[in-house]
């Protein structure tokens, strides 16, 4: 009888722990659309309006967004990274003065991604490191020249 009880307890323990190693990654259907500026040439010193739409049509959470404008050599003119934690749709708006030399080619990249682990969920709501190796990160880019 003791042996049967011991076997039952052992089997309950094994079944209870079997799912601990399994991780279920939530899938997101993120899209990013740069509405403004466009890819036409701009004038040095002028202000351009940024308008970027971040969407998740399956009504899941939009966690993190990033918008970067940089020169070809990587010198950043504008950087904005934010944990927005909103559902379905988020718009980023800002105005940037193109304080670069005439002839400079600028690359604008807008990205959206989810939180990856429970430990990130417990951190501050600012996640500043938007690296390119984030699984599930969706980005779009735009190139324009300043004259």
C-alpha atoms as a PDB file:
ATOM      1  CA  UNK A   1       0.000   0.000   0.000  1.00  0.00           C
ATOM      2  CA  UNK A   2       2.818   2.426   0.908  1.00  0.00           C
ATOM      3  CA  UNK A   3       4.470   1.575  -2.375  1.00  0.00           C
ATOM      4  CA  UNK A   4       1.308   2.480  -4.353  1.00  0.00           C
ATOM      5  CA  UNK A   5       0.962   5.809  -2.517  1.00  0.00           C
ATOM      6  CA  UNK A   6       4.634   6.572  -3.183  1.00  0.00           C
ATOM      7  CA  UNK A   7       4.233   5.754  -6.893  1.00  0.00           C
ATOM      8  CA  UNK A   8       1.139   7.968  -7.095  1.00  0.00           C
ATOM      9  CA  UNK A   9       2.932  10.897  -5.463  1.00  0.00           C
ATOM     10  CA  UNK A  10       5.943  10.416  -7.715  1.00  0.00           C
ATOM     11  CA  UNK A  11       3.754  10.366 -10.857  1.00  0.00           C
ATOM     12  CA  UNK A  12       1.874  13.506  -9.726  1.00  0.00           C
ATOM     13  CA  UNK A  13       5.196  15.278  -9.141  1.00  0.00           C
ATOM     14  CA  UNK A  14       6.488  14.271 -12.587  1.00  0.00           C
ATOM     15  CA  UNK A  15       3.309  15.415 -14.356  1.00  0.00           C
ATOM     16  CA  UNK A  16       3.212  18.676 -12.399  1.00  0.00           C
ATOM     17  CA  UNK A  17       6.775  19.582 -13.386  1.00  0.00           C
ATOM     18  CA  UNK A  18       6.726  18.418 -16.993  1.00  0.00           C
ATOM     19  CA  UNK A  19       5.464  21.757 -18.362  1.00  0.00           C
ATOM     20  CA  UNK A  20       7.917  23.973 -16.485  1.00  0.00           C
ATOM     21  CA  UNK A  21      10.518  23.950 -19.271  1.00  0.00           C
ATOM     22  CA  UNK A  22       8.037  24.614 -22.039  1.00  0.00           C
ATOM     23  CA  UNK A  23       7.795  28.235 -23.103  1.00  0.00           C
ATOM     24  CA  UNK A  24       4.984  29.549 -25.207  1.00  0.00           C
ATOM     25  CA  UNK A  25       5.987  32.545 -27.266  1.00  0.00           C
ATOM     26  CA  UNK A  26       3.062  34.788 -28.106  1.00  0.00           C
ATOM     27  CA  UNK A  27       3.045  35.583 -31.810  1.00  0.00           C
ATOM     28  CA  UNK A  28       2.478  39.168 -32.912  1.00  0.00           C
ATOM     29  CA  UNK A  29       1.428  40.475 -36.300  1.00  0.00           C
ATOM     30  CA  UNK A  30       3.129  43.883 -36.071  1.00  0.00           C
ATOM     31  CA  UNK A  31       3.259  46.351 -38.942  1.00  0.00           C
ATOM     32  CA  UNK A  32       5.083  49.684 -39.199  1.00  0.00           C
ATOM     33  CA  UNK A  33       4.215  52.428 -41.687  1.00  0.00           C
ATOM     34  CA  UNK A  34       6.177  55.666 -42.078  1.00  0.00           C
ATOM     35  CA  UNK A  35       3.563  58.236 -43.065  1.00  0.00           C
ATOM     36  CA  UNK A  36       5.883  61.251 -42.890  1.00  0.00           C
ATOM     37  CA  UNK A  37       8.444  62.261 -43.990  1.00  0.00           C
ATOM     38  CA  UNK A  38       8.626  60.836 -47.492  1.00  0.00           C
ATOM     39  CA  UNK A  39      11.750  59.982 -49.490  1.00  0.00           C
ATOM     40  CA  UNK A  40      11.953  63.280 -51.406  1.00  0.00           C
ATOM     41  CA  UNK A  41      14.917  65.594 -50.869  1.00  0.00           C
ATOM     42  CA  UNK A  42      14.746  67.916 -47.863  1.00  0.00           C
ATOM     43  CA  UNK A  43      16.363  71.308 -47.179  1.00  0.00           C
ATOM     44  CA  UNK A  44      19.137  71.613 -44.579  1.00  0.00           C
ATOM     45  CA  UNK A  45      17.853  73.422 -41.489  1.00  0.00           C
ATOM     46  CA  UNK A  46      14.172  72.800 -42.217  1.00  0.00           C
ATOM     47  CA  UNK A  47      11.845  71.028 -39.814  1.00  0.00           C
ATOM     48  CA  UNK A  48      10.252  67.746 -40.859  1.00  0.00           C
ATOM     49  CA  UNK A  49       7.242  66.169 -39.203  1.00  0.00           C
ATOM     50  CA  UNK A  50       7.521  62.517 -38.178  1.00  0.00           C
ATOM     51  CA  UNK A  51       4.355  60.436 -38.303  1.00  0.00           C
ATOM     52  CA  UNK A  52       4.726  56.676 -37.893  1.00  0.00           C
ATOM     53  CA  UNK A  53       1.900  54.166 -37.434  1.00  0.00           C
ATOM     54  CA  UNK A  54       2.561  51.018 -35.410  1.00  0.00           C
ATOM     55  CA  UNK A  55      -0.181  48.401 -35.648  1.00  0.00           C
ATOM     56  CA  UNK A  56      -1.089  44.949 -34.341  1.00  0.00           C
ATOM     57  CA  UNK A  57      -4.302  43.996 -36.176  1.00  0.00           C
ATOM     58  CA  UNK A  58      -4.988  40.983 -33.927  1.00  0.00           C
ATOM     59  CA  UNK A  59      -5.679  43.390 -31.025  1.00  0.00           C
ATOM     60  CA  UNK A  60      -2.583  42.336 -29.086  1.00  0.00           C
ATOM     61  CA  UNK A  61      -0.316  44.664 -27.140  1.00  0.00           C
ATOM     62  CA  UNK A  62       2.165  46.971 -28.866  1.00  0.00           C
ATOM     63  CA  UNK A  63       5.005  46.924 -26.358  1.00  0.00           C
ATOM     64  CA  UNK A  64       8.090  48.755 -27.620  1.00  0.00           C
ATOM     65  CA  UNK A  65       8.692  51.224 -30.435  1.00  0.00           C
ATOM     66  CA  UNK A  66      11.801  52.910 -31.735  1.00  0.00           C
ATOM     67  CA  UNK A  67      12.407  55.651 -34.303  1.00  0.00           C
ATOM     68  CA  UNK A  68      15.951  56.545 -35.356  1.00  0.00           C
ATOM     69  CA  UNK A  69      17.227  58.993 -37.966  1.00  0.00           C
ATOM     70  CA  UNK A  70      20.937  58.615 -38.659  1.00  0.00           C
ATOM     71  CA  UNK A  71      23.554  59.517 -41.223  1.00  0.00           C
ATOM     72  CA  UNK A  72      25.037  56.696 -43.320  1.00  0.00           C
ATOM     73  CA  UNK A  73      28.074  56.551 -40.995  1.00  0.00           C
ATOM     74  CA  UNK A  74      25.792  55.874 -38.008  1.00  0.00           C
ATOM     75  CA  UNK A  75      25.807  59.352 -36.444  1.00  0.00           C
ATOM     76  CA  UNK A  76      22.309  59.721 -35.016  1.00  0.00           C
ATOM     77  CA  UNK A  77      20.324  62.904 -35.546  1.00  0.00           C
ATOM     78  CA  UNK A  78      17.177  61.686 -33.758  1.00  0.00           C
ATOM     79  CA  UNK A  79      16.421  58.741 -31.451  1.00  0.00           C
ATOM     80  CA  UNK A  80      13.198  57.871 -29.698  1.00  0.00           C
ATOM     81  CA  UNK A  81      12.626  54.531 -27.919  1.00  0.00           C
ATOM     82  CA  UNK A  82       9.572  53.987 -25.783  1.00  0.00           C
ATOM     83  CA  UNK A  83       7.632  51.257 -24.012  1.00  0.00           C
ATOM     84  CA  UNK A  84       4.123  52.264 -25.097  1.00  0.00           C
ATOM     85  CA  UNK A  85       2.138  49.215 -23.933  1.00  0.00           C
ATOM     86  CA  UNK A  86      -1.039  49.920 -25.872  1.00  0.00           C
ATOM     87  CA  UNK A  87      -3.254  47.718 -27.980  1.00  0.00           C
ATOM     88  CA  UNK A  88      -3.991  47.618 -31.698  1.00  0.00           C
ATOM     89  CA  UNK A  89      -2.657  51.022 -32.879  1.00  0.00           C
ATOM     90  CA  UNK A  90      -0.061  53.564 -31.798  1.00  0.00           C
ATOM     91  CA  UNK A  91       1.049  56.732 -33.611  1.00  0.00           C
ATOM     92  CA  UNK A  92       4.348  58.475 -33.035  1.00  0.00           C
ATOM     93  CA  UNK A  93       4.501  62.184 -33.923  1.00  0.00           C
ATOM     94  CA  UNK A  94       7.404  64.569 -33.525  1.00  0.00           C
ATOM     95  CA  UNK A  95       9.166  67.397 -35.359  1.00  0.00           C
ATOM     96  CA  UNK A  96      12.877  67.277 -36.162  1.00  0.00           C
ATOM     97  CA  UNK A  97      15.115  70.035 -37.483  1.00  0.00           C
ATOM     98  CA  UNK A  98      17.512  68.700 -40.107  1.00  0.00           C
ATOM     99  CA  UNK A  99      20.665  70.150 -38.599  1.00  0.00           C
ATOM    100  CA  UNK A 100      23.101  68.467 -41.017  1.00  0.00           C
ATOM    101  CA  UNK A 101      25.254  69.589 -43.926  1.00  0.00           C
ATOM    102  CA  UNK A 102      23.790  69.799 -47.415  1.00  0.00           C
ATOM    103  CA  UNK A 103      24.376  66.584 -49.324  1.00  0.00           C
ATOM    104  CA  UNK A 104      23.878  64.374 -46.262  1.00  0.00           C
ATOM    105  CA  UNK A 105      21.937  61.173 -46.803  1.00  0.00           C
ATOM    106  CA  UNK A 106      19.731  60.222 -43.841  1.00  0.00           C
ATOM    107  CA  UNK A 107      18.218  56.862 -42.994  1.00  0.00           C
ATOM    108  CA  UNK A 108      15.100  56.722 -40.869  1.00  0.00           C
ATOM    109  CA  UNK A 109      14.225  53.389 -39.250  1.00  0.00           C
ATOM    110  CA  UNK A 110      11.050  52.693 -37.288  1.00  0.00           C
ATOM    111  CA  UNK A 111      10.695  49.451 -35.302  1.00  0.00           C
ATOM    112  CA  UNK A 112       8.221  47.667 -33.042  1.00  0.00           C
ATOM    113  CA  UNK A 113       8.777  44.602 -30.864  1.00  0.00           C
ATOM    114  CA  UNK A 114       7.363  42.709 -27.915  1.00  0.00           C
ATOM    115  CA  UNK A 115       8.783  42.027 -24.481  1.00  0.00           C
ATOM    116  CA  UNK A 116      10.651  38.732 -24.419  1.00  0.00           C
ATOM    117  CA  UNK A 117      10.696  37.536 -20.832  1.00  0.00           C
ATOM    118  CA  UNK A 118       8.929  37.871 -17.518  1.00  0.00           C
ATOM    119  CA  UNK A 119      12.019  39.594 -16.109  1.00  0.00           C
ATOM    120  CA  UNK A 120      11.667  42.392 -18.688  1.00  0.00           C
ATOM    121  CA  UNK A 121       8.010  42.762 -17.705  1.00  0.00           C
ATOM    122  CA  UNK A 122       9.129  43.591 -14.156  1.00  0.00           C
ATOM    123  CA  UNK A 123      11.717  46.173 -15.218  1.00  0.00           C
ATOM    124  CA  UNK A 124      11.052  49.870 -15.632  1.00  0.00           C
ATOM    125  CA  UNK A 125       8.783  50.653 -18.548  1.00  0.00           C
ATOM    126  CA  UNK A 126      11.594  52.234 -20.528  1.00  0.00           C
ATOM    127  CA  UNK A 127      13.487  49.716 -22.633  1.00  0.00           C
ATOM    128  CA  UNK A 128      16.181  51.739 -24.321  1.00  0.00           C
ATOM    129  CA  UNK A 129      18.171  49.041 -26.020  1.00  0.00           C
ATOM    130  CA  UNK A 130      16.547  48.360 -29.378  1.00  0.00           C
ATOM    131  CA  UNK A 131      19.096  45.984 -30.837  1.00  0.00           C
ATOM    132  CA  UNK A 132      18.770  44.353 -34.224  1.00  0.00           C
ATOM    133  CA  UNK A 133      18.771  40.785 -32.875  1.00  0.00           C
ATOM    134  CA  UNK A 134      15.448  41.003 -31.066  1.00  0.00           C
ATOM    135  CA  UNK A 135      13.261  38.104 -32.125  1.00  0.00           C
ATOM    136  CA  UNK A 136       9.975  39.275 -33.612  1.00  0.00           C
ATOM    137  CA  UNK A 137      11.187  42.824 -34.200  1.00  0.00           C
ATOM    138  CA  UNK A 138       9.534  44.425 -37.234  1.00  0.00           C
ATOM    139  CA  UNK A 139      11.224  47.395 -38.891  1.00  0.00           C
ATOM    140  CA  UNK A 140      10.833  49.586 -41.906  1.00  0.00           C
ATOM    141  CA  UNK A 141      13.216  52.229 -43.221  1.00  0.00           C
ATOM    142  CA  UNK A 142      13.276  55.270 -45.444  1.00  0.00           C
ATOM    143  CA  UNK A 143      16.220  57.084 -47.058  1.00  0.00           C
ATOM    144  CA  UNK A 144      16.231  60.754 -48.020  1.00  0.00           C
ATOM    145  CA  UNK A 145      18.847  63.354 -48.908  1.00  0.00           C
ATOM    146  CA  UNK A 146      19.269  66.771 -47.328  1.00  0.00           C
ATOM    147  CA  UNK A 147      20.132  69.498 -49.874  1.00  0.00           C
END
